[in-house]
PDB file of N, CA and C in Angstrom:
ATOM      1  N   MET A   1      13.754 -36.374 -49.917  1.00  0.00           N
ATOM      2  CA  MET A   1      14.056 -34.974 -49.912  1.00  0.00           C
ATOM      3  C   MET A   1      13.762 -34.448 -48.505  1.00  0.00           C
ATOM      4  N   GLU A   2      14.734 -33.778 -47.921  1.00  0.00           N
ATOM      5  CA  GLU A   2      14.569 -33.248 -46.576  1.00  0.00           C
ATOM      6  C   GLU A   2      14.370 -31.742 -46.547  1.00  0.00           C
ATOM      7  N   THR A   3      14.935 -31.047 -47.522  1.00  0.00           N
ATOM      8  CA  THR A   3      14.868 -29.591 -47.530  1.00  0.00           C
ATOM      9  C   THR A   3      14.373 -29.103 -48.885  1.00  0.00           C
ATOM     10  N   SER A   4      13.521 -28.103 -48.878  1.00  0.00           N
ATOM     11  CA  SER A   4      13.022 -27.482 -50.105  1.00  0.00           C
ATOM     12  C   SER A   4      13.324 -25.998 -50.078  1.00  0.00           C
ATOM     13  N   ILE A   5      13.482 -25.426 -51.255  1.00  0.00           N
ATOM     14  CA  ILE A   5      13.692 -23.987 -51.390  1.00  0.00           C
ATOM     15  C   ILE A   5      12.421 -23.399 -51.997  1.00  0.00           C
ATOM     16  N   LEU A   6      11.837 -22.424 -51.312  1.00  0.00           N
ATOM     17  CA  LEU A   6      10.626 -21.757 -51.792  1.00  0.00           C
ATOM     18  C   LEU A   6      11.009 -20.671 -52.781  1.00  0.00           C
ATOM     19  N   SER A   7      10.275 -20.568 -53.882  1.00  0.00           N
ATOM     20  CA  SER A   7      10.497 -19.501 -54.855  1.00  0.00           C
ATOM     21  C   SER A   7       9.216 -19.310 -55.665  1.00  0.00           C
ATOM     22  N   ILE A   8       9.112 -18.164 -56.286  1.00  0.00           N
ATOM     23  CA  ILE A   8       7.965 -17.852 -57.140  1.00  0.00           C
ATOM     24  C   ILE A   8       8.315 -18.255 -58.564  1.00  0.00           C
ATOM     25  N   SER A   9       7.429 -19.003 -59.200  1.00  0.00           N
ATOM     26  CA  SER A   9       7.690 -19.459 -60.569  1.00  0.00           C
ATOM     27  C   SER A   9       7.209 -18.421 -61.583  1.00  0.00           C
ATOM     28  N   SER A  10       7.468 -18.699 -62.828  1.00  0.00           N
ATOM     29  CA  SER A  10       7.068 -17.836 -63.919  1.00  0.00           C
ATOM     30  C   SER A  10       5.546 -17.685 -63.928  1.00  0.00           C
ATOM     31  N   PRO A  11       4.986 -16.544 -64.134  1.00  0.00           N
ATOM     32  CA  PRO A  11       5.578 -15.342 -64.697  1.00  0.00           C
ATOM     33  C   PRO A  11       6.162 -14.396 -63.655  1.00  0.00           C
ATOM     34  N   GLY A  12       6.294 -14.794 -62.430  1.00  0.00           N
ATOM     35  CA  GLY A  12       6.887 -13.911 -61.427  1.00  0.00           C
ATOM     36  C   GLY A  12       5.862 -13.029 -60.765  1.00  0.00           C
ATOM     37  N   ILE A  13       6.323 -11.900 -60.281  1.00  0.00           N
ATOM     38  CA  ILE A  13       5.461 -11.027 -59.480  1.00  0.00           C
ATOM     39  C   ILE A  13       5.210  -9.667 -60.096  1.00  0.00           C
ATOM     40  N   HIS A  14       5.732  -9.392 -61.291  1.00  0.00           N
ATOM     41  CA  HIS A  14       5.627  -8.027 -61.824  1.00  0.00           C
ATOM     42  C   HIS A  14       4.317  -7.811 -62.564  1.00  0.00           C
ATOM     43  N   PHE A  15       3.431  -7.037 -61.912  1.00  0.00           N
ATOM     44  CA  PHE A  15       2.154  -6.641 -62.504  1.00  0.00           C
ATOM     45  C   PHE A  15       2.022  -5.131 -62.402  1.00  0.00           C
ATOM     46  N   GLY A  16       3.097  -4.415 -62.663  1.00  0.00           N
ATOM     47  CA  GLY A  16       3.180  -2.980 -62.454  1.00  0.00           C
ATOM     48  C   GLY A  16       4.033  -2.739 -61.218  1.00  0.00           C
ATOM     49  N   ASP A  17       4.760  -1.622 -61.206  1.00  0.00           N
ATOM     50  CA  ASP A  17       5.746  -1.383 -60.150  1.00  0.00           C
ATOM     51  C   ASP A  17       5.170  -1.433 -58.744  1.00  0.00           C
ATOM     52  N   ASP A  18       4.075  -0.719 -58.482  1.00  0.00           N
ATOM     53  CA  ASP A  18       3.517  -0.694 -57.130  1.00  0.00           C
ATOM     54  C   ASP A  18       3.015  -2.062 -56.691  1.00  0.00           C
ATOM     55  N   ALA A  19       2.323  -2.752 -57.573  1.00  0.00           N
ATOM     56  CA  ALA A  19       1.821  -4.085 -57.245  1.00  0.00           C
ATOM     57  C   ALA A  19       2.975  -5.057 -57.023  1.00  0.00           C
ATOM     58  N   ALA A  20       4.010  -4.961 -57.834  1.00  0.00           N
ATOM     59  CA  ALA A  20       5.161  -5.863 -57.692  1.00  0.00           C
ATOM     60  C   ALA A  20       5.877  -5.628 -56.374  1.00  0.00           C
ATOM     61  N   ARG A  21       6.000  -4.378 -55.961  1.00  0.00           N
ATOM     62  CA  ARG A  21       6.649  -4.081 -54.676  1.00  0.00           C
ATOM     63  C   ARG A  21       5.864  -4.700 -53.523  1.00  0.00           C
ATOM     64  N   ARG A  22       4.549  -4.538 -53.540  1.00  0.00           N
ATOM     65  CA  ARG A  22       3.706  -5.118 -52.484  1.00  0.00           C
ATOM     66  C   ARG A  22       3.770  -6.633 -52.502  1.00  0.00           C
ATOM     67  N   LEU A  23       3.670  -7.216 -53.678  1.00  0.00           N
ATOM     68  CA  LEU A  23       3.681  -8.664 -53.793  1.00  0.00           C
ATOM     69  C   LEU A  23       5.039  -9.249 -53.387  1.00  0.00           C
ATOM     70  N   ALA A  24       6.131  -8.589 -53.753  1.00  0.00           N
ATOM     71  CA  ALA A  24       7.458  -9.051 -53.344  1.00  0.00           C
ATOM     72  C   ALA A  24       7.565  -9.070 -51.824  1.00  0.00           C
ATOM     73  N   ARG A  25       7.106  -8.013 -51.196  1.00  0.00           N
ATOM     74  CA  ARG A  25       7.148  -7.949 -49.727  1.00  0.00           C
ATOM     75  C   ARG A  25       6.305  -9.071 -49.119  1.00  0.00           C
ATOM     76  N   GLU A  26       5.112  -9.269 -49.638  1.00  0.00           N
ATOM     77  CA  GLU A  26       4.219 -10.295 -49.080  1.00  0.00           C
ATOM     78  C   GLU A  26       4.772 -11.703 -49.251  1.00  0.00           C
ATOM     79  N   VAL A  27       5.241 -12.053 -50.447  1.00  0.00           N
ATOM     80  CA  VAL A  27       5.734 -13.418 -50.648  1.00  0.00           C
ATOM     81  C   VAL A  27       7.039 -13.658 -49.896  1.00  0.00           C
ATOM     82  N   ASN A  28       7.882 -12.625 -49.794  1.00  0.00           N
ATOM     83  CA  ASN A  28       9.128 -12.789 -49.043  1.00  0.00           C
ATOM     84  C   ASN A  28       8.853 -12.940 -47.553  1.00  0.00           C
ATOM     85  N   GLU A  29       7.916 -12.183 -47.031  1.00  0.00           N
ATOM     86  CA  GLU A  29       7.570 -12.320 -45.616  1.00  0.00           C
ATOM     87  C   GLU A  29       6.934 -13.678 -45.330  1.00  0.00           C
ATOM     88  N   ALA A  30       6.080 -14.144 -46.225  1.00  0.00           N
ATOM     89  CA  ALA A  30       5.456 -15.460 -46.033  1.00  0.00           C
ATOM     90  C   ALA A  30       6.501 -16.570 -46.093  1.00  0.00           C
ATOM     91  N   GLY A  31       7.422 -16.484 -47.034  1.00  0.00           N
ATOM     92  CA  GLY A  31       8.482 -17.482 -47.130  1.00  0.00           C
ATOM     93  C   GLY A  31       9.410 -17.449 -45.934  1.00  0.00           C
ATOM     94  N   ALA A  32       9.728 -16.251 -45.453  1.00  0.00           N
ATOM     95  CA  ALA A  32      10.584 -16.124 -44.271  1.00  0.00           C
ATOM     96  C   ALA A  32       9.886 -16.714 -43.050  1.00  0.00           C
ATOM     97  N   TYR A  33       8.603 -16.484 -42.923  1.00  0.00           N
ATOM     98  CA  TYR A  33       7.844 -17.054 -41.811  1.00  0.00           C
ATOM     99  C   TYR A  33       7.901 -18.584 -41.859  1.00  0.00           C
ATOM    100  N   THR A  34       7.673 -19.145 -43.040  1.00  0.00           N
ATOM    101  CA  THR A  34       7.718 -20.600 -43.192  1.00  0.00           C
ATOM    102  C   THR A  34       9.106 -21.126 -42.841  1.00  0.00           C
ATOM    103  N   GLY A  35      10.146 -20.431 -43.271  1.00  0.00           N
ATOM    104  CA  GLY A  35      11.506 -20.833 -42.951  1.00  0.00           C
ATOM    105  C   GLY A  35      11.809 -20.766 -41.467  1.00  0.00           C
ATOM    106  N   ARG A  36      11.268 -19.763 -40.790  1.00  0.00           N
ATOM    107  CA  ARG A  36      11.469 -19.659 -39.336  1.00  0.00           C
ATOM    108  C   ARG A  36      10.726 -20.764 -38.600  1.00  0.00           C
ATOM    109  N   GLU A  37       9.534 -21.088 -39.075  1.00  0.00           N
ATOM    110  CA  GLU A  37       8.739 -22.131 -38.434  1.00  0.00           C
ATOM    111  C   GLU A  37       9.329 -23.524 -38.655  1.00  0.00           C
ATOM    112  N   HIS A  38       9.989 -23.723 -39.781  1.00  0.00           N
ATOM    113  CA  HIS A  38      10.535 -25.038 -40.147  1.00  0.00           C
ATOM    114  C   HIS A  38      11.945 -24.853 -40.712  1.00  0.00           C
ATOM    115  N   PRO A  39      12.911 -24.425 -39.891  1.00  0.00           N
ATOM    116  CA  PRO A  39      14.228 -24.041 -40.397  1.00  0.00           C
ATOM    117  C   PRO A  39      15.017 -25.175 -41.048  1.00  0.00           C
ATOM    118  N   CYS A  40      14.767 -26.398 -40.700  1.00  0.00           N
ATOM    119  CA  CYS A  40      15.496 -27.521 -41.315  1.00  0.00           C
ATOM    120  C   CYS A  40      14.818 -28.024 -42.580  1.00  0.00           C
ATOM    121  N   ARG A  41      13.630 -27.505 -42.866  1.00  0.00           N
ATOM    122  CA  ARG A  41      12.866 -28.020 -44.008  1.00  0.00           C
ATOM    123  C   ARG A  41      12.752 -27.055 -45.171  1.00  0.00           C
ATOM    124  N   PHE A  42      12.812 -25.730 -44.903  1.00  0.00           N
ATOM    125  CA  PHE A  42      12.577 -24.762 -45.973  1.00  0.00           C
ATOM    126  C   PHE A  42      13.611 -23.654 -45.990  1.00  0.00           C
ATOM    127  N   GLY A  43      14.032 -23.307 -47.202  1.00  0.00           N
ATOM    128  CA  GLY A  43      14.837 -22.127 -47.461  1.00  0.00           C
ATOM    129  C   GLY A  43      14.031 -21.223 -48.385  1.00  0.00           C
ATOM    130  N   LEU A  44      14.610 -20.102 -48.802  1.00  0.00           N
ATOM    131  CA  LEU A  44      13.855 -19.136 -49.607  1.00  0.00           C
ATOM    132  C   LEU A  44      14.760 -18.447 -50.608  1.00  0.00           C
ATOM    133  N   PHE A  45      14.338 -18.424 -51.869  1.00  0.00           N
ATOM    134  CA  PHE A  45      14.914 -17.522 -52.856  1.00  0.00           C
ATOM    135  C   PHE A  45      14.013 -16.299 -52.835  1.00  0.00           C
ATOM    136  N   ALA A  46      14.516 -15.182 -52.341  1.00  0.00           N
ATOM    137  CA  ALA A  46      13.700 -13.975 -52.242  1.00  0.00           C
ATOM    138  C   ALA A  46      13.296 -13.480 -53.625  1.00  0.00           C
ATOM    139  N   SER A  47      12.112 -12.884 -53.708  1.00  0.00           N
ATOM    140  CA  SER A  47      11.613 -12.316 -54.954  1.00  0.00           C
ATOM    141  C   SER A  47      11.908 -10.827 -54.988  1.00  0.00           C
ATOM    142  N   LEU A  48      12.321 -10.342 -56.153  1.00  0.00           N
ATOM    143  CA  LEU A  48      12.574  -8.916 -56.363  1.00  0.00           C
ATOM    144  C   LEU A  48      11.608  -8.408 -57.417  1.00  0.00           C
ATOM    145  N   PRO A  49      11.131  -7.168 -57.267  1.00  0.00           N
ATOM    146  CA  PRO A  49      10.124  -6.634 -58.194  1.00  0.00           C
ATOM    147  C   PRO A  49      10.722  -6.107 -59.501  1.00  0.00           C
ATOM    148  N   LEU A  50      11.556  -6.901 -60.152  1.00  0.00           N
ATOM    149  CA  LEU A  50      12.139  -6.477 -61.431  1.00  0.00           C
ATOM    150  C   LEU A  50      11.066  -6.485 -62.511  1.00  0.00           C
ATOM    151  N   PRO A  51      11.124  -5.565 -63.473  1.00  0.00           N
ATOM    152  CA  PRO A  51      12.195  -4.652 -63.838  1.00  0.00           C
ATOM    153  C   PRO A  51      12.191  -3.320 -63.085  1.00  0.00           C
ATOM    154  N   ASP A  52      11.501  -3.216 -61.982  1.00  0.00           N
ATOM    155  CA  ASP A  52      11.510  -2.008 -61.143  1.00  0.00           C
ATOM    156  C   ASP A  52      12.821  -2.007 -60.345  1.00  0.00           C
ATOM    157  N   VAL A  53      13.867  -1.425 -60.943  1.00  0.00           N
ATOM    158  CA  VAL A  53      15.202  -1.488 -60.342  1.00  0.00           C
ATOM    159  C   VAL A  53      15.240  -0.811 -58.978  1.00  0.00           C
ATOM    160  N   ASP A  54      14.636   0.371 -58.846  1.00  0.00           N
ATOM    161  CA  ASP A  54      14.642   1.050 -57.543  1.00  0.00           C
ATOM    162  C   ASP A  54      13.947   0.206 -56.479  1.00  0.00           C
ATOM    163  N   GLY A  55      12.796  -0.362 -56.810  1.00  0.00           N
ATOM    164  CA  GLY A  55      12.085  -1.217 -55.873  1.00  0.00           C
ATOM    165  C   GLY A  55      12.876  -2.472 -55.554  1.00  0.00           C
ATOM    166  N   ALA A  56      13.546  -3.046 -56.554  1.00  0.00           N
ATOM    167  CA  ALA A  56      14.350  -4.252 -56.343  1.00  0.00           C
ATOM    168  C   ALA A  56      15.529  -3.955 -55.419  1.00  0.00           C
ATOM    169  N   LEU A  57      16.169  -2.808 -55.592  1.00  0.00           N
ATOM    170  CA  LEU A  57      17.284  -2.456 -54.713  1.00  0.00           C
ATOM    171  C   LEU A  57      16.819  -2.279 -53.275  1.00  0.00           C
ATOM    172  N   ARG A  58      15.675  -1.635 -53.080  1.00  0.00           N
ATOM    173  CA  ARG A  58      15.140  -1.480 -51.716  1.00  0.00           C
ATOM    174  C   ARG A  58      14.789  -2.838 -51.113  1.00  0.00           C
ATOM    175  N   ARG A  59      14.159  -3.695 -51.893  1.00  0.00           N
ATOM    176  CA  ARG A  59      13.761  -5.014 -51.399  1.00  0.00           C
ATOM    177  C   ARG A  59      14.992  -5.859 -51.085  1.00  0.00           C
ATOM    178  N   SER A  60      16.056  -5.724 -51.860  1.00  0.00           N
ATOM    179  CA  SER A  60      17.257  -6.534 -51.630  1.00  0.00           C
ATOM    180  C   SER A  60      17.955  -6.154 -50.327  1.00  0.00           C
ATOM    181  N   ARG A  61      17.674  -4.978 -49.799  1.00  0.00           N
ATOM    182  CA  ARG A  61      18.267  -4.552 -48.529  1.00  0.00           C
ATOM    183  C   ARG A  61      17.427  -4.954 -47.320  1.00  0.00           C
ATOM    184  N   THR A  62      16.256  -5.542 -47.574  1.00  0.00           N
ATOM    185  CA  THR A  62      15.358  -5.936 -46.494  1.00  0.00           C
ATOM    186  C   THR A  62      15.594  -7.393 -46.149  1.00  0.00           C
ATOM    187  N   PRO A  63      16.020  -7.678 -44.916  1.00  0.00           N
ATOM    188  CA  PRO A  63      16.254  -9.077 -44.571  1.00  0.00           C
ATOM    189  C   PRO A  63      14.956  -9.872 -44.534  1.00  0.00           C
ATOM    190  N   THR A  64      15.049 -11.116 -44.981  1.00  0.00           N
ATOM    191  CA  THR A  64      13.875 -11.998 -44.967  1.00  0.00           C
ATOM    192  C   THR A  64      14.079 -13.192 -44.054  1.00  0.00           C
ATOM    193  N   THR A  65      15.192 -13.223 -43.351  1.00  0.00           N
ATOM    194  CA  THR A  65      15.450 -14.324 -42.419  1.00  0.00           C
ATOM    195  C   THR A  65      15.712 -13.758 -41.034  1.00  0.00           C
ATOM    196  N   PRO A  66      15.512 -14.562 -39.993  1.00  0.00           N
ATOM    197  CA  PRO A  66      15.708 -14.041 -38.639  1.00  0.00           C
ATOM    198  C   PRO A  66      17.154 -13.699 -38.352  1.00  0.00           C
TER     199      PRO A  66
END
């Protein structure tokens, strides 16, 4: 295996809307950093703070790659 995709497994990141928004930002930024440091080895499935639809829409507009 040469390339891996980073993602958050079950139960996900939703522990209340505010906490999920913060956690989504943190895990997406950490995954993006890892992908930038090792671009041939890691990709990222971004996390969205669902069921917080408004927060998920805002997060989906935030780029996580360079």
